[in-house]
Amino acid sequence: MTEREPARVELALELLAHLEADELSLAEVVDRIETVTTDPTLTRDILDTAEMRGIIERDGANVRHRRGGTFVRFESQVVQREGDFSCRRCGTSISTGHFVKFESGELGPFGSSCIRKVLGRE
């Protein structure tokens, strides 16, 4: 693991811990993880670690979120910045970037619809 990978793993784990959907397909969970890394080995490590820590339960092609009362508070944890950005999820050019502040770091930028999708609000 490179020096940056543990930080990316923690950021992805925090994202998974804050998802608002109770159950997602494995593909949907991987879609969220890909906002942090597209490395398939690291993605597997993140899924395995999330399961070991009790953040998720995997059942074939479905992933259940083990709720711990955590969710992203849009008012305090999502920051908007003006600039010239590319959405981290879909790649679209955006002028307002939405960034999620977690304890382990910041994730973004995302467009207004992708931020909701990533957090499980859509």
N, C-alpha and C. Protein backbone atom coordinates (compact mmCIF):
# COMPACT_ATOMS: atom_id res chain seq x y z
N MET A 1 0.84 -1.18 0.00
CA MET A 1 0.00 0.00 0.00
C MET A 1 0.88 1.24 0.00
N THR A 2 0.56 2.19 -0.85
CA THR A 2 1.32 3.43 -0.85
C THR A 2 0.90 4.27 0.33
N GLU A 3 1.62 5.35 0.53
CA GLU A 3 1.36 6.24 1.67
C GLU A 3 -0.05 6.83 1.63
N ARG A 4 -0.57 7.12 0.45
CA ARG A 4 -1.89 7.74 0.31
C ARG A 4 -3.03 6.75 0.46
N GLU A 5 -2.78 5.47 0.22
CA GLU A 5 -3.86 4.50 0.21
C GLU A 5 -4.58 4.35 1.55
N PRO A 6 -3.90 4.30 2.70
CA PRO A 6 -4.65 4.21 3.96
C PRO A 6 -5.61 5.39 4.15
N ALA A 7 -5.20 6.57 3.71
CA ALA A 7 -6.08 7.74 3.81
C ALA A 7 -7.30 7.59 2.91
N ARG A 8 -7.09 7.04 1.71
CA ARG A 8 -8.22 6.83 0.80
C ARG A 8 -9.15 5.75 1.33
N VAL A 9 -8.58 4.71 1.94
CA VAL A 9 -9.41 3.65 2.53
C VAL A 9 -10.29 4.24 3.63
N GLU A 10 -9.71 5.04 4.51
CA GLU A 10 -10.48 5.64 5.61
C GLU A 10 -11.56 6.57 5.08
N LEU A 11 -11.24 7.33 4.04
CA LEU A 11 -12.24 8.23 3.45
C LEU A 11 -13.39 7.43 2.85
N ALA A 12 -13.09 6.35 2.15
CA ALA A 12 -14.14 5.51 1.57
C ALA A 12 -14.96 4.83 2.66
N LEU A 13 -14.32 4.40 3.73
CA LEU A 13 -15.06 3.77 4.84
C LEU A 13 -15.99 4.77 5.50
N GLU A 14 -15.53 6.00 5.65
CA GLU A 14 -16.39 7.02 6.23
C GLU A 14 -17.58 7.31 5.32
N LEU A 15 -17.33 7.34 4.01
CA LEU A 15 -18.43 7.53 3.06
C LEU A 15 -19.45 6.41 3.21
N LEU A 16 -18.98 5.17 3.24
CA LEU A 16 -19.90 4.03 3.37
C LEU A 16 -20.66 4.08 4.70
N ALA A 17 -20.02 4.51 5.75
CA ALA A 17 -20.67 4.60 7.05
C ALA A 17 -21.76 5.65 7.07
N HIS A 18 -21.68 6.63 6.17
CA HIS A 18 -22.65 7.72 6.15
C HIS A 18 -23.72 7.58 5.07
N LEU A 19 -23.75 6.46 4.35
CA LEU A 19 -24.78 6.28 3.33
C LEU A 19 -26.16 6.24 3.98
N GLU A 20 -27.12 6.83 3.32
CA GLU A 20 -28.47 6.87 3.88
C GLU A 20 -29.36 5.73 3.42
N ALA A 21 -28.94 5.00 2.41
CA ALA A 21 -29.73 3.87 1.92
C ALA A 21 -29.45 2.65 2.80
N ASP A 22 -30.50 1.91 3.15
CA ASP A 22 -30.33 0.71 3.97
C ASP A 22 -29.72 -0.44 3.19
N GLU A 23 -30.04 -0.52 1.90
CA GLU A 23 -29.53 -1.60 1.07
C GLU A 23 -29.23 -1.08 -0.32
N LEU A 24 -28.11 -1.50 -0.86
CA LEU A 24 -27.71 -1.13 -2.21
C LEU A 24 -27.16 -2.36 -2.90
N SER A 25 -27.15 -2.31 -4.22
CA SER A 25 -26.50 -3.39 -4.95
C SER A 25 -24.99 -3.20 -4.79
N LEU A 26 -24.26 -4.27 -5.00
CA LEU A 26 -22.81 -4.18 -4.94
C LEU A 26 -22.30 -3.16 -5.96
N ALA A 27 -22.92 -3.12 -7.14
CA ALA A 27 -22.53 -2.16 -8.18
C ALA A 27 -22.71 -0.72 -7.69
N GLU A 28 -23.81 -0.46 -6.97
CA GLU A 28 -24.04 0.89 -6.45
C GLU A 28 -23.01 1.27 -5.38
N VAL A 29 -22.63 0.31 -4.56
CA VAL A 29 -21.63 0.57 -3.53
C VAL A 29 -20.27 0.83 -4.19
N VAL A 30 -19.93 0.04 -5.20
CA VAL A 30 -18.67 0.25 -5.92
C VAL A 30 -18.69 1.61 -6.61
N ASP A 31 -19.83 2.04 -7.12
CA ASP A 31 -19.97 3.37 -7.72
C ASP A 31 -19.58 4.45 -6.72
N ARG A 32 -20.00 4.29 -5.48
CA ARG A 32 -19.65 5.26 -4.43
C ARG A 32 -18.15 5.19 -4.11
N ILE A 33 -17.63 3.98 -3.99
CA ILE A 33 -16.21 3.82 -3.68
C ILE A 33 -15.34 4.42 -4.78
N GLU A 34 -15.81 4.33 -6.03
CA GLU A 34 -15.04 4.87 -7.15
C GLU A 34 -14.92 6.39 -7.12
N THR A 35 -15.64 7.06 -6.23
CA THR A 35 -15.43 8.49 -6.06
C THR A 35 -14.16 8.74 -5.25
N VAL A 36 -13.65 7.68 -4.62
CA VAL A 36 -12.41 7.77 -3.85
C VAL A 36 -11.26 7.11 -4.60
N THR A 37 -11.50 5.93 -5.19
CA THR A 37 -10.46 5.21 -5.92
C THR A 37 -11.09 4.34 -7.01
N THR A 38 -10.35 4.18 -8.09
CA THR A 38 -10.79 3.28 -9.14
C THR A 38 -9.90 2.04 -9.20
N ASP A 39 -8.99 1.91 -8.26
CA ASP A 39 -8.11 0.75 -8.18
C ASP A 39 -8.91 -0.45 -7.69
N PRO A 40 -9.06 -1.51 -8.51
CA PRO A 40 -9.89 -2.66 -8.13
C PRO A 40 -9.40 -3.37 -6.86
N THR A 41 -8.09 -3.44 -6.68
CA THR A 41 -7.56 -4.09 -5.48
C THR A 41 -7.91 -3.28 -4.23
N LEU A 42 -7.76 -1.98 -4.33
CA LEU A 42 -8.08 -1.11 -3.20
C LEU A 42 -9.59 -1.14 -2.92
N THR A 43 -10.40 -1.21 -3.98
CA THR A 43 -11.85 -1.31 -3.81
C THR A 43 -12.21 -2.57 -3.03
N ARG A 44 -11.59 -3.69 -3.38
CA ARG A 44 -11.83 -4.95 -2.64
C ARG A 44 -11.39 -4.81 -1.18
N ASP A 45 -10.24 -4.17 -0.96
CA ASP A 45 -9.76 -3.95 0.41
C ASP A 45 -10.74 -3.10 1.20
N ILE A 46 -11.31 -2.09 0.57
CA ILE A 46 -12.28 -1.22 1.23
C ILE A 46 -13.53 -2.01 1.60
N LEU A 47 -14.03 -2.81 0.67
CA LEU A 47 -15.22 -3.63 0.95
C LEU A 47 -14.95 -4.62 2.07
N ASP A 48 -13.80 -5.29 2.04
CA ASP A 48 -13.46 -6.25 3.08
C ASP A 48 -13.32 -5.57 4.44
N THR A 49 -12.66 -4.42 4.46
CA THR A 49 -12.48 -3.70 5.72
C THR A 49 -13.81 -3.19 6.25
N ALA A 50 -14.68 -2.71 5.36
CA ALA A 50 -16.00 -2.23 5.79
C ALA A 50 -16.81 -3.36 6.41
N GLU A 51 -16.68 -4.53 5.84
CA GLU A 51 -17.40 -5.69 6.38
C GLU A 51 -16.80 -6.11 7.73
N MET A 52 -15.48 -6.13 7.83
CA MET A 52 -14.82 -6.50 9.08
C MET A 52 -15.15 -5.53 10.21
N ARG A 53 -15.28 -4.25 9.87
CA ARG A 53 -15.58 -3.23 10.89
C ARG A 53 -17.08 -3.14 11.20
N GLY A 54 -17.89 -3.91 10.49
CA GLY A 54 -19.32 -3.91 10.76
C GLY A 54 -20.07 -2.74 10.14
N ILE A 55 -19.49 -2.09 9.15
CA ILE A 55 -20.15 -0.97 8.48
C ILE A 55 -21.20 -1.50 7.51
N ILE A 56 -20.86 -2.60 6.84
CA ILE A 56 -21.76 -3.21 5.86
C ILE A 56 -21.82 -4.71 6.08
N GLU A 57 -22.86 -5.31 5.50
CA GLU A 57 -22.98 -6.77 5.40
C GLU A 57 -23.19 -7.08 3.93
N ARG A 58 -22.40 -8.01 3.40
CA ARG A 58 -22.55 -8.39 2.00
C ARG A 58 -23.35 -9.69 1.93
N ASP A 59 -24.29 -9.71 0.99
CA ASP A 59 -25.10 -10.89 0.75
C ASP A 59 -25.21 -11.06 -0.75
N GLY A 60 -24.24 -11.74 -1.33
CA GLY A 60 -24.23 -11.90 -2.78
C GLY A 60 -24.04 -10.57 -3.47
N ALA A 61 -25.03 -10.20 -4.30
CA ALA A 61 -24.94 -8.96 -5.06
C ALA A 61 -25.54 -7.77 -4.32
N ASN A 62 -25.96 -7.96 -3.07
CA ASN A 62 -26.54 -6.87 -2.28
C ASN A 62 -25.66 -6.55 -1.08
N VAL A 63 -25.70 -5.29 -0.70
CA VAL A 63 -24.95 -4.83 0.45
C VAL A 63 -25.92 -4.10 1.37
N ARG A 64 -25.96 -4.53 2.62
CA ARG A 64 -26.81 -3.87 3.62
C ARG A 64 -25.94 -2.97 4.47
N HIS A 65 -26.42 -1.78 4.67
CA HIS A 65 -25.74 -0.81 5.51
C HIS A 65 -26.15 -1.06 6.95
N ARG A 66 -25.20 -1.21 7.81
CA ARG A 66 -25.51 -1.41 9.23
C ARG A 66 -25.53 -0.05 9.89
N ARG A 67 -26.71 0.48 10.01
CA ARG A 67 -26.90 1.84 10.51
C ARG A 67 -26.37 2.03 11.91
N GLY A 68 -25.67 3.13 12.06
CA GLY A 68 -25.17 3.50 13.38
C GLY A 68 -25.61 4.91 13.72
N GLY A 69 -26.65 5.38 13.06
CA GLY A 69 -27.15 6.73 13.33
C GLY A 69 -26.33 7.82 12.67
N THR A 70 -25.44 7.44 11.75
CA THR A 70 -24.62 8.44 11.09
C THR A 70 -25.18 8.77 9.72
N PHE A 71 -25.17 10.01 9.40
CA PHE A 71 -25.52 10.46 8.06
C PHE A 71 -24.90 11.83 7.88
N VAL A 72 -24.75 12.24 6.65
CA VAL A 72 -24.13 13.54 6.37
C VAL A 72 -25.14 14.64 6.62
N ARG A 73 -24.74 15.60 7.39
CA ARG A 73 -25.56 16.80 7.63
C ARG A 73 -25.18 17.83 6.55
N PHE A 74 -26.12 18.05 5.64
CA PHE A 74 -25.84 18.94 4.51
C PHE A 74 -25.47 20.34 4.98
N GLU A 75 -26.10 20.81 6.04
CA GLU A 75 -25.87 22.17 6.51
C GLU A 75 -24.44 22.38 7.00
N SER A 76 -23.86 21.35 7.62
CA SER A 76 -22.54 21.53 8.21
C SER A 76 -21.43 20.72 7.55
N GLN A 77 -21.75 19.63 6.88
CA GLN A 77 -20.71 18.78 6.32
C GLN A 77 -20.54 18.91 4.81
N VAL A 78 -21.45 19.56 4.12
CA VAL A 78 -21.32 19.76 2.68
C VAL A 78 -21.04 21.24 2.44
N VAL A 79 -19.90 21.48 1.78
CA VAL A 79 -19.47 22.84 1.50
C VAL A 79 -19.55 23.05 0.00
N GLN A 80 -20.03 24.23 -0.39
CA GLN A 80 -20.08 24.58 -1.82
C GLN A 80 -18.99 25.59 -2.11
N ARG A 81 -18.31 25.37 -3.24
CA ARG A 81 -17.28 26.31 -3.67
C ARG A 81 -17.49 26.61 -5.15
N GLU A 82 -17.29 27.84 -5.49
CA GLU A 82 -17.37 28.26 -6.89
C GLU A 82 -16.01 28.08 -7.54
N GLY A 83 -16.02 27.65 -8.79
CA GLY A 83 -14.77 27.46 -9.52
C GLY A 83 -15.01 26.67 -10.78
N ASP A 84 -13.95 26.18 -11.34
CA ASP A 84 -14.01 25.37 -12.56
C ASP A 84 -13.65 23.95 -12.17
N PHE A 85 -14.67 23.10 -11.98
CA PHE A 85 -14.46 21.74 -11.48
C PHE A 85 -15.00 20.71 -12.45
N SER A 86 -14.58 19.47 -12.24
CA SER A 86 -15.17 18.30 -12.89
C SER A 86 -15.74 17.43 -11.79
N CYS A 87 -16.99 17.02 -11.94
CA CYS A 87 -17.63 16.18 -10.93
C CYS A 87 -16.84 14.88 -10.77
N ARG A 88 -16.55 14.53 -9.55
CA ARG A 88 -15.76 13.34 -9.26
C ARG A 88 -16.52 12.05 -9.58
N ARG A 89 -17.84 12.13 -9.67
CA ARG A 89 -18.62 10.93 -9.95
C ARG A 89 -18.89 10.76 -11.44
N CYS A 90 -19.35 11.83 -12.11
CA CYS A 90 -19.77 11.68 -13.51
C CYS A 90 -18.85 12.37 -14.51
N GLY A 91 -17.95 13.22 -14.04
CA GLY A 91 -16.99 13.89 -14.92
C GLY A 91 -17.49 15.15 -15.59
N THR A 92 -18.74 15.52 -15.36
CA THR A 92 -19.31 16.73 -15.96
C THR A 92 -18.62 17.98 -15.43
N SER A 93 -18.43 18.97 -16.30
CA SER A 93 -17.88 20.26 -15.86
C SER A 93 -18.93 20.98 -15.03
N ILE A 94 -18.50 21.49 -13.88
CA ILE A 94 -19.42 22.21 -12.99
C ILE A 94 -18.76 23.48 -12.49
N SER A 95 -19.57 24.49 -12.23
CA SER A 95 -19.03 25.74 -11.70
C SER A 95 -19.22 25.83 -10.18
N THR A 96 -20.13 25.05 -9.64
CA THR A 96 -20.30 24.97 -8.19
C THR A 96 -19.99 23.54 -7.76
N GLY A 97 -18.94 23.39 -6.99
CA GLY A 97 -18.55 22.08 -6.50
C GLY A 97 -19.06 21.86 -5.09
N HIS A 98 -19.61 20.69 -4.84
CA HIS A 98 -20.07 20.30 -3.52
C HIS A 98 -19.04 19.34 -2.94
N PHE A 99 -18.53 19.64 -1.76
CA PHE A 99 -17.51 18.84 -1.11
C PHE A 99 -18.06 18.36 0.23
N VAL A 100 -17.82 17.08 0.55
CA VAL A 100 -18.25 16.51 1.82
C VAL A 100 -17.05 16.49 2.75
N LYS A 101 -17.24 17.07 3.94
CA LYS A 101 -16.17 17.09 4.94
C LYS A 101 -16.39 15.93 5.92
N PHE A 102 -15.44 15.00 5.92
CA PHE A 102 -15.42 13.89 6.87
C PHE A 102 -14.24 14.11 7.81
N GLU A 103 -14.20 13.36 8.89
CA GLU A 103 -13.06 13.46 9.81
C GLU A 103 -11.76 13.09 9.12
N SER A 104 -11.81 12.12 8.21
CA SER A 104 -10.59 11.64 7.56
C SER A 104 -10.18 12.47 6.35
N GLY A 105 -11.01 13.43 5.95
CA GLY A 105 -10.67 14.26 4.80
C GLY A 105 -11.90 14.76 4.08
N GLU A 106 -11.66 15.36 2.94
CA GLU A 106 -12.72 15.96 2.15
C GLU A 106 -12.88 15.17 0.86
N LEU A 107 -14.12 14.99 0.43
CA LEU A 107 -14.42 14.24 -0.78
C LEU A 107 -15.21 15.13 -1.73
N GLY A 108 -14.77 15.22 -2.96
CA GLY A 108 -15.45 16.03 -3.94
C GLY A 108 -14.45 16.49 -4.99
N PRO A 109 -14.86 17.32 -5.87
CA PRO A 109 -16.16 17.99 -5.98
C PRO A 109 -17.21 17.12 -6.67
N PHE A 110 -18.47 17.42 -6.36
CA PHE A 110 -19.60 16.77 -6.99
C PHE A 110 -20.58 17.83 -7.45
N GLY A 111 -21.35 17.51 -8.48
CA GLY A 111 -22.45 18.37 -8.89
C GLY A 111 -23.61 18.20 -7.92
N SER A 112 -24.62 19.04 -8.05
CA SER A 112 -25.74 19.02 -7.09
C SER A 112 -26.52 17.72 -7.09
N SER A 113 -26.67 17.07 -8.24
CA SER A 113 -27.40 15.80 -8.24
C SER A 113 -26.49 14.64 -7.85
N CYS A 114 -25.22 14.69 -8.22
CA CYS A 114 -24.31 13.59 -7.88
C CYS A 114 -24.02 13.55 -6.37
N ILE A 115 -23.99 14.67 -5.70
CA ILE A 115 -23.75 14.66 -4.25
C ILE A 115 -24.87 13.90 -3.56
N ARG A 116 -26.10 14.09 -4.02
CA ARG A 116 -27.23 13.37 -3.43
C ARG A 116 -27.16 11.87 -3.74
N LYS A 117 -26.76 11.55 -4.95
CA LYS A 117 -26.63 10.15 -5.36
C LYS A 117 -25.54 9.46 -4.56
N VAL A 118 -24.40 10.09 -4.42
CA VAL A 118 -23.27 9.50 -3.70
C VAL A 118 -23.64 9.24 -2.23
N LEU A 119 -24.40 10.14 -1.64
CA LEU A 119 -24.76 9.99 -0.23
C LEU A 119 -26.02 9.14 -0.02
N GLY A 120 -26.64 8.71 -1.11
CA GLY A 120 -27.81 7.85 -0.98
C GLY A 120 -29.10 8.58 -0.74
N ARG A 121 -29.17 9.84 -1.09
CA ARG A 121 -30.41 10.60 -0.90
C ARG A 121 -31.30 10.56 -2.12
N GLU A 122 -30.83 9.97 -3.21
CA GLU A 122 -31.65 9.80 -4.42
C GLU A 122 -31.68 8.37 -4.82
